[in-house]
Amino acid sequence: MAEHRIQVRWQRQGEFSHQGFERQHRIHFQPHVELPVAGAGNDIGADPEQLLAAAMSSCFMQTFLALAAKKRLVVESYEDDAEARLSQRDDGRFWVSEICLRPKVIFAGEPPKAEVLAAMYDKSHQHCFIANSTHSTVVIEPR
């Protein structure tokens, strides 16, 4: 099995108490690839909920592109405006209850028929590693 490692780095800045603390940190993916991250609503980088939506979107897209390539369909471009939606459970805990993917795919030449495209979206979801790793509902709203 493959392992996918990251490093999270955080350092205290200013006060650290039950009333608040700095949430800004960095995630290192490879020696020269890092991403600024903080809590929700920050203006310096991604937040964890956005990262989950990004992981889902990226995995779904790569699965879709692999399926298109196997069908000998040439994809010119792929865009997604994904969204992670938070909800509160009955026990009071918050969770990402739904991730909405909104793919927009442009094909070279004649695009596949609607039913073929719908089947490709469904199969992409079924085979997406991230979708298979979460309890979040995944909604696909093609554009």
N, C-alpha and C. Protein backbone atom coordinates (compact mmCIF):
# COMPACT_ATOMS: atom_id res chain seq x y z
N MET A 1 0.84 -1.19 0.00
CA MET A 1 0.00 0.00 0.00
C MET A 1 0.88 1.25 0.00
N ALA A 2 0.37 2.29 -0.57
CA ALA A 2 1.09 3.56 -0.64
C ALA A 2 0.87 4.36 0.64
N GLU A 3 1.88 5.10 1.01
CA GLU A 3 1.78 6.01 2.15
C GLU A 3 1.96 7.43 1.64
N HIS A 4 1.19 8.33 2.17
CA HIS A 4 1.24 9.73 1.76
C HIS A 4 1.48 10.57 3.00
N ARG A 5 2.67 11.12 3.10
CA ARG A 5 3.07 11.83 4.31
C ARG A 5 3.08 13.34 4.11
N ILE A 6 2.78 14.03 5.18
CA ILE A 6 2.88 15.49 5.22
C ILE A 6 3.48 15.85 6.57
N GLN A 7 3.90 17.10 6.70
CA GLN A 7 4.36 17.63 7.99
C GLN A 7 3.58 18.90 8.27
N VAL A 8 3.04 19.00 9.47
CA VAL A 8 2.36 20.21 9.91
C VAL A 8 3.29 20.91 10.90
N ARG A 9 3.48 22.22 10.69
CA ARG A 9 4.37 23.00 11.55
C ARG A 9 3.61 24.22 12.07
N TRP A 10 3.59 24.36 13.40
CA TRP A 10 2.95 25.49 14.07
C TRP A 10 3.90 26.00 15.14
N GLN A 11 3.92 27.30 15.36
CA GLN A 11 4.74 27.91 16.41
C GLN A 11 3.92 28.97 17.11
N ARG A 12 3.95 28.97 18.42
CA ARG A 12 3.20 29.96 19.19
C ARG A 12 3.66 31.37 18.81
N GLN A 13 2.67 32.26 18.65
CA GLN A 13 2.91 33.67 18.40
C GLN A 13 2.00 34.44 19.35
N GLY A 14 2.56 35.14 20.28
CA GLY A 14 1.75 35.91 21.22
C GLY A 14 1.15 35.03 22.30
N GLU A 15 0.01 35.47 22.80
CA GLU A 15 -0.67 34.77 23.89
C GLU A 15 -1.18 33.40 23.44
N PHE A 16 -1.13 32.46 24.36
CA PHE A 16 -1.71 31.14 24.14
C PHE A 16 -2.55 30.84 25.37
N SER A 17 -3.86 30.84 25.19
CA SER A 17 -4.75 30.60 26.33
C SER A 17 -6.05 30.01 25.84
N HIS A 18 -6.92 29.70 26.80
CA HIS A 18 -8.24 29.18 26.47
C HIS A 18 -9.08 30.22 25.73
N GLN A 19 -8.68 31.49 25.79
CA GLN A 19 -9.42 32.55 25.11
C GLN A 19 -9.00 32.72 23.65
N GLY A 20 -7.89 32.14 23.29
CA GLY A 20 -7.46 32.23 21.90
C GLY A 20 -5.98 32.01 21.71
N PHE A 21 -5.62 31.71 20.48
CA PHE A 21 -4.23 31.50 20.11
C PHE A 21 -4.13 31.62 18.59
N GLU A 22 -2.93 31.82 18.11
CA GLU A 22 -2.68 31.94 16.68
C GLU A 22 -2.93 30.60 16.00
N ARG A 23 -3.74 30.60 14.95
CA ARG A 23 -4.06 29.37 14.25
C ARG A 23 -3.26 29.18 12.96
N GLN A 24 -2.49 30.17 12.59
CA GLN A 24 -1.70 30.08 11.37
C GLN A 24 -0.62 29.00 11.50
N HIS A 25 -0.51 28.18 10.47
CA HIS A 25 0.52 27.14 10.44
C HIS A 25 0.84 26.81 8.99
N ARG A 26 1.76 25.89 8.77
CA ARG A 26 2.17 25.52 7.42
C ARG A 26 2.13 24.01 7.30
N ILE A 27 1.72 23.56 6.12
CA ILE A 27 1.77 22.13 5.82
C ILE A 27 2.81 21.93 4.73
N HIS A 28 3.75 21.03 4.99
CA HIS A 28 4.81 20.71 4.04
C HIS A 28 4.47 19.38 3.38
N PHE A 29 4.43 19.39 2.05
CA PHE A 29 4.10 18.18 1.30
C PHE A 29 5.34 17.47 0.78
N GLN A 30 6.27 18.22 0.26
CA GLN A 30 7.57 17.72 -0.18
C GLN A 30 8.59 18.76 0.29
N PRO A 31 9.88 18.49 0.10
CA PRO A 31 10.88 19.43 0.62
C PRO A 31 10.66 20.88 0.19
N HIS A 32 10.14 21.12 -0.99
CA HIS A 32 10.00 22.50 -1.46
C HIS A 32 8.55 22.88 -1.75
N VAL A 33 7.60 22.13 -1.20
CA VAL A 33 6.19 22.44 -1.41
C VAL A 33 5.53 22.59 -0.05
N GLU A 34 5.05 23.81 0.21
CA GLU A 34 4.36 24.05 1.47
C GLU A 34 3.16 24.95 1.23
N LEU A 35 2.22 24.87 2.15
CA LEU A 35 0.96 25.59 2.01
C LEU A 35 0.65 26.31 3.31
N PRO A 36 0.32 27.62 3.25
CA PRO A 36 -0.12 28.30 4.46
C PRO A 36 -1.55 27.91 4.80
N VAL A 37 -1.79 27.66 6.08
CA VAL A 37 -3.09 27.20 6.55
C VAL A 37 -3.42 27.94 7.85
N ALA A 38 -4.69 28.12 8.12
CA ALA A 38 -5.13 28.71 9.38
C ALA A 38 -6.56 28.25 9.65
N GLY A 39 -7.20 28.87 10.61
CA GLY A 39 -8.57 28.53 10.93
C GLY A 39 -9.53 29.09 9.89
N ALA A 40 -10.79 28.74 10.02
CA ALA A 40 -11.83 29.18 9.08
C ALA A 40 -11.90 30.70 9.02
N GLY A 41 -12.14 31.21 7.81
CA GLY A 41 -12.33 32.64 7.63
C GLY A 41 -11.04 33.44 7.68
N ASN A 42 -9.89 32.80 7.54
CA ASN A 42 -8.62 33.53 7.57
C ASN A 42 -8.33 34.16 6.22
N ASP A 43 -7.34 35.04 6.18
CA ASP A 43 -6.97 35.67 4.91
C ASP A 43 -5.52 35.39 4.52
N ILE A 44 -4.94 34.32 5.07
CA ILE A 44 -3.54 34.00 4.75
C ILE A 44 -3.38 32.68 4.00
N GLY A 45 -4.40 31.85 4.00
CA GLY A 45 -4.27 30.55 3.33
C GLY A 45 -5.54 29.74 3.48
N ALA A 46 -5.40 28.46 3.23
CA ALA A 46 -6.54 27.55 3.29
C ALA A 46 -6.90 27.22 4.73
N ASP A 47 -8.14 26.78 4.93
CA ASP A 47 -8.51 26.22 6.23
C ASP A 47 -8.75 24.72 6.04
N PRO A 48 -8.79 23.93 7.11
CA PRO A 48 -8.91 22.48 6.96
C PRO A 48 -10.13 22.02 6.16
N GLU A 49 -11.25 22.74 6.29
CA GLU A 49 -12.44 22.35 5.55
C GLU A 49 -12.23 22.56 4.05
N GLN A 50 -11.56 23.65 3.68
CA GLN A 50 -11.23 23.88 2.28
C GLN A 50 -10.27 22.80 1.76
N LEU A 51 -9.33 22.40 2.60
CA LEU A 51 -8.39 21.36 2.20
C LEU A 51 -9.10 20.04 1.94
N LEU A 52 -10.12 19.73 2.74
CA LEU A 52 -10.89 18.51 2.52
C LEU A 52 -11.65 18.60 1.19
N ALA A 53 -12.27 19.75 0.93
CA ALA A 53 -12.97 19.94 -0.35
C ALA A 53 -11.98 19.86 -1.51
N ALA A 54 -10.80 20.43 -1.33
CA ALA A 54 -9.77 20.40 -2.38
C ALA A 54 -9.30 18.97 -2.64
N ALA A 55 -9.11 18.20 -1.58
CA ALA A 55 -8.68 16.80 -1.74
C ALA A 55 -9.76 16.01 -2.48
N MET A 56 -11.01 16.22 -2.12
CA MET A 56 -12.11 15.51 -2.78
C MET A 56 -12.18 15.91 -4.25
N SER A 57 -12.11 17.20 -4.52
CA SER A 57 -12.20 17.69 -5.89
C SER A 57 -11.05 17.18 -6.75
N SER A 58 -9.85 17.24 -6.22
CA SER A 58 -8.67 16.80 -6.96
C SER A 58 -8.72 15.30 -7.25
N CYS A 59 -9.11 14.52 -6.25
CA CYS A 59 -9.21 13.06 -6.43
C CYS A 59 -10.28 12.72 -7.46
N PHE A 60 -11.43 13.36 -7.34
CA PHE A 60 -12.53 13.13 -8.28
C PHE A 60 -12.09 13.49 -9.71
N MET A 61 -11.43 14.65 -9.85
CA MET A 61 -10.99 15.09 -11.17
C MET A 61 -10.00 14.09 -11.78
N GLN A 62 -9.02 13.67 -10.99
CA GLN A 62 -8.02 12.74 -11.53
C GLN A 62 -8.65 11.40 -11.92
N THR A 63 -9.64 10.96 -11.16
CA THR A 63 -10.35 9.73 -11.51
C THR A 63 -11.14 9.93 -12.79
N PHE A 64 -11.82 11.08 -12.89
CA PHE A 64 -12.59 11.40 -14.10
C PHE A 64 -11.68 11.45 -15.32
N LEU A 65 -10.54 12.12 -15.21
CA LEU A 65 -9.62 12.23 -16.34
C LEU A 65 -9.08 10.87 -16.76
N ALA A 66 -8.82 9.99 -15.79
CA ALA A 66 -8.36 8.63 -16.13
C ALA A 66 -9.45 7.88 -16.89
N LEU A 67 -10.70 8.01 -16.45
CA LEU A 67 -11.80 7.36 -17.16
C LEU A 67 -11.97 7.92 -18.57
N ALA A 68 -11.85 9.23 -18.71
CA ALA A 68 -11.97 9.86 -20.03
C ALA A 68 -10.86 9.36 -20.95
N ALA A 69 -9.65 9.28 -20.43
CA ALA A 69 -8.53 8.81 -21.24
C ALA A 69 -8.74 7.36 -21.69
N LYS A 70 -9.25 6.52 -20.78
CA LYS A 70 -9.52 5.12 -21.14
C LYS A 70 -10.59 5.02 -22.22
N LYS A 71 -11.51 5.98 -22.24
CA LYS A 71 -12.57 5.99 -23.26
C LYS A 71 -12.11 6.69 -24.53
N ARG A 72 -10.85 7.12 -24.56
CA ARG A 72 -10.27 7.83 -25.71
C ARG A 72 -10.95 9.19 -25.95
N LEU A 73 -11.46 9.78 -24.86
CA LEU A 73 -12.03 11.12 -24.92
C LEU A 73 -10.93 12.11 -24.53
N VAL A 74 -10.77 13.16 -25.29
CA VAL A 74 -9.75 14.15 -25.00
C VAL A 74 -10.38 15.31 -24.24
N VAL A 75 -9.88 15.55 -23.04
CA VAL A 75 -10.37 16.64 -22.21
C VAL A 75 -9.46 17.85 -22.42
N GLU A 76 -10.05 18.96 -22.80
CA GLU A 76 -9.29 20.20 -23.00
C GLU A 76 -9.09 20.94 -21.68
N SER A 77 -10.15 20.98 -20.88
CA SER A 77 -10.04 21.66 -19.59
C SER A 77 -11.05 21.09 -18.61
N TYR A 78 -10.74 21.26 -17.34
CA TYR A 78 -11.59 20.79 -16.25
C TYR A 78 -11.53 21.85 -15.15
N GLU A 79 -12.67 22.30 -14.69
CA GLU A 79 -12.76 23.26 -13.60
C GLU A 79 -13.76 22.73 -12.57
N ASP A 80 -13.55 23.09 -11.33
CA ASP A 80 -14.49 22.71 -10.28
C ASP A 80 -14.57 23.84 -9.26
N ASP A 81 -15.77 24.22 -8.89
CA ASP A 81 -16.01 25.16 -7.81
C ASP A 81 -16.60 24.36 -6.65
N ALA A 82 -15.71 23.72 -5.89
CA ALA A 82 -16.14 22.81 -4.82
C ALA A 82 -16.44 23.58 -3.54
N GLU A 83 -17.26 22.97 -2.69
CA GLU A 83 -17.65 23.60 -1.43
C GLU A 83 -17.84 22.53 -0.36
N ALA A 84 -17.26 22.77 0.80
CA ALA A 84 -17.46 21.90 1.96
C ALA A 84 -18.48 22.58 2.87
N ARG A 85 -19.50 21.85 3.26
CA ARG A 85 -20.56 22.40 4.10
C ARG A 85 -20.50 21.78 5.50
N LEU A 86 -20.43 22.65 6.49
CA LEU A 86 -20.40 22.21 7.88
C LEU A 86 -21.81 22.09 8.43
N SER A 87 -22.00 21.12 9.29
CA SER A 87 -23.27 20.94 9.99
C SER A 87 -22.96 20.57 11.43
N GLN A 88 -23.97 20.71 12.27
CA GLN A 88 -23.84 20.31 13.66
C GLN A 88 -24.65 19.05 13.88
N ARG A 89 -24.00 18.05 14.46
CA ARG A 89 -24.69 16.79 14.73
C ARG A 89 -25.56 16.92 15.97
N ASP A 90 -26.38 15.91 16.20
CA ASP A 90 -27.27 15.90 17.37
C ASP A 90 -26.49 15.97 18.68
N ASP A 91 -25.25 15.45 18.67
CA ASP A 91 -24.44 15.48 19.90
C ASP A 91 -23.69 16.80 20.07
N GLY A 92 -23.94 17.76 19.17
CA GLY A 92 -23.33 19.07 19.28
C GLY A 92 -22.02 19.24 18.52
N ARG A 93 -21.46 18.16 18.04
CA ARG A 93 -20.18 18.25 17.31
C ARG A 93 -20.42 18.70 15.88
N PHE A 94 -19.44 19.43 15.36
CA PHE A 94 -19.51 19.88 13.97
C PHE A 94 -18.75 18.91 13.08
N TRP A 95 -19.21 18.82 11.83
CA TRP A 95 -18.55 17.95 10.87
C TRP A 95 -18.82 18.46 9.46
N VAL A 96 -18.02 18.01 8.50
CA VAL A 96 -18.26 18.33 7.10
C VAL A 96 -19.29 17.32 6.62
N SER A 97 -20.53 17.76 6.56
CA SER A 97 -21.63 16.84 6.23
C SER A 97 -21.77 16.63 4.73
N GLU A 98 -21.33 17.63 3.96
CA GLU A 98 -21.53 17.54 2.52
C GLU A 98 -20.40 18.26 1.79
N ILE A 99 -19.97 17.66 0.72
CA ILE A 99 -19.01 18.31 -0.19
C ILE A 99 -19.68 18.33 -1.55
N CYS A 100 -19.83 19.54 -2.08
CA CYS A 100 -20.47 19.71 -3.37
C CYS A 100 -19.39 19.97 -4.42
N LEU A 101 -19.38 19.15 -5.45
CA LEU A 101 -18.46 19.31 -6.57
C LEU A 101 -19.26 19.84 -7.75
N ARG A 102 -18.69 20.82 -8.43
CA ARG A 102 -19.37 21.44 -9.58
C ARG A 102 -18.43 21.42 -10.79
N PRO A 103 -18.19 20.23 -11.34
CA PRO A 103 -17.25 20.14 -12.45
C PRO A 103 -17.78 20.76 -13.74
N LYS A 104 -16.86 21.39 -14.45
CA LYS A 104 -17.13 21.91 -15.78
C LYS A 104 -16.04 21.34 -16.68
N VAL A 105 -16.45 20.50 -17.62
CA VAL A 105 -15.49 19.79 -18.46
C VAL A 105 -15.67 20.22 -19.91
N ILE A 106 -14.57 20.56 -20.55
CA ILE A 106 -14.57 20.89 -21.97
C ILE A 106 -13.79 19.80 -22.69
N PHE A 107 -14.45 19.19 -23.66
CA PHE A 107 -13.84 18.12 -24.45
C PHE A 107 -13.39 18.65 -25.80
N ALA A 108 -12.35 18.03 -26.35
CA ALA A 108 -11.96 18.30 -27.73
C ALA A 108 -12.95 17.54 -28.61
N GLY A 109 -13.40 18.17 -29.67
CA GLY A 109 -14.34 17.49 -30.55
C GLY A 109 -15.71 17.36 -29.92
N GLU A 110 -16.43 16.34 -30.36
CA GLU A 110 -17.80 16.10 -29.90
C GLU A 110 -17.80 15.60 -28.45
N PRO A 111 -18.51 16.28 -27.55
CA PRO A 111 -18.57 15.80 -26.17
C PRO A 111 -19.40 14.52 -26.08
N PRO A 112 -19.18 13.72 -25.05
CA PRO A 112 -19.99 12.50 -24.90
C PRO A 112 -21.45 12.84 -24.63
N LYS A 113 -22.32 11.90 -24.92
CA LYS A 113 -23.75 12.08 -24.66
C LYS A 113 -23.97 12.23 -23.15
N ALA A 114 -25.08 12.87 -22.79
CA ALA A 114 -25.38 13.18 -21.39
C ALA A 114 -25.37 11.94 -20.51
N GLU A 115 -25.92 10.82 -21.00
CA GLU A 115 -25.96 9.61 -20.17
C GLU A 115 -24.57 9.01 -19.97
N VAL A 116 -23.70 9.15 -20.96
CA VAL A 116 -22.32 8.67 -20.83
C VAL A 116 -21.57 9.52 -19.81
N LEU A 117 -21.75 10.83 -19.90
CA LEU A 117 -21.12 11.74 -18.97
C LEU A 117 -21.60 11.51 -17.54
N ALA A 118 -22.90 11.30 -17.37
CA ALA A 118 -23.45 11.02 -16.05
C ALA A 118 -22.85 9.74 -15.47
N ALA A 119 -22.71 8.71 -16.30
CA ALA A 119 -22.10 7.45 -15.86
C ALA A 119 -20.64 7.67 -15.47
N MET A 120 -19.94 8.52 -16.20
CA MET A 120 -18.54 8.82 -15.88
C MET A 120 -18.43 9.55 -14.54
N TYR A 121 -19.33 10.49 -14.29
CA TYR A 121 -19.33 11.18 -13.00
C TYR A 121 -19.61 10.19 -11.87
N ASP A 122 -20.58 9.31 -12.07
CA ASP A 122 -20.91 8.32 -11.05
C ASP A 122 -19.74 7.38 -10.77
N LYS A 123 -19.11 6.89 -11.83
CA LYS A 123 -17.97 5.98 -11.67
C LYS A 123 -16.78 6.70 -11.03
N SER A 124 -16.59 7.97 -11.39
CA SER A 124 -15.51 8.76 -10.79
C SER A 124 -15.71 8.87 -9.28
N HIS A 125 -16.95 9.09 -8.88
CA HIS A 125 -17.25 9.17 -7.45
C HIS A 125 -17.02 7.81 -6.77
N GLN A 126 -17.46 6.74 -7.38
CA GLN A 126 -17.31 5.40 -6.80
C GLN A 126 -15.84 5.01 -6.60
N HIS A 127 -14.97 5.49 -7.49
CA HIS A 127 -13.56 5.09 -7.46
C HIS A 127 -12.63 6.15 -6.86
N CYS A 128 -13.18 7.24 -6.39
CA CYS A 128 -12.37 8.30 -5.78
C CYS A 128 -11.93 7.85 -4.37
N PHE A 129 -10.63 7.80 -4.14
CA PHE A 129 -10.10 7.34 -2.85
C PHE A 129 -10.60 8.21 -1.69
N ILE A 130 -10.66 9.51 -1.91
CA ILE A 130 -11.06 10.42 -0.84
C ILE A 130 -12.55 10.23 -0.53
N ALA A 131 -13.37 10.09 -1.56
CA ALA A 131 -14.81 9.86 -1.34
C ALA A 131 -15.03 8.56 -0.57
N ASN A 132 -14.19 7.58 -0.83
CA ASN A 132 -14.31 6.30 -0.14
C ASN A 132 -13.73 6.34 1.27
N SER A 133 -13.18 7.49 1.67
CA SER A 133 -12.53 7.63 2.98
C SER A 133 -13.28 8.55 3.94
N THR A 134 -14.45 9.01 3.56
CA THR A 134 -15.17 9.95 4.40
C THR A 134 -16.65 9.58 4.50
N HIS A 135 -17.30 10.08 5.54
CA HIS A 135 -18.74 9.89 5.70
C HIS A 135 -19.54 11.05 5.12
N SER A 136 -18.84 12.07 4.62
CA SER A 136 -19.51 13.22 4.04
C SER A 136 -20.29 12.80 2.80
N THR A 137 -21.44 13.39 2.62
CA THR A 137 -22.21 13.19 1.40
C THR A 137 -21.52 13.98 0.30
N VAL A 138 -21.36 13.37 -0.86
CA VAL A 138 -20.76 14.06 -1.99
C VAL A 138 -21.85 14.30 -3.03
N VAL A 139 -22.06 15.56 -3.35
CA VAL A 139 -23.06 15.95 -4.33
C VAL A 139 -22.32 16.43 -5.57
N ILE A 140 -22.70 15.94 -6.73
CA ILE A 140 -22.06 16.34 -7.97
C ILE A 140 -23.07 17.12 -8.80
N GLU A 141 -22.74 18.39 -9.04
CA GLU A 141 -23.61 19.29 -9.81
C GLU A 141 -22.83 19.78 -11.03
N PRO A 142 -22.82 18.99 -12.11
CA PRO A 142 -22.06 19.41 -13.30
C PRO A 142 -22.57 20.76 -13.83
N ARG A 143 -21.62 21.52 -14.36
CA ARG A 143 -21.97 22.83 -14.96
C ARG A 143 -21.82 22.72 -16.47
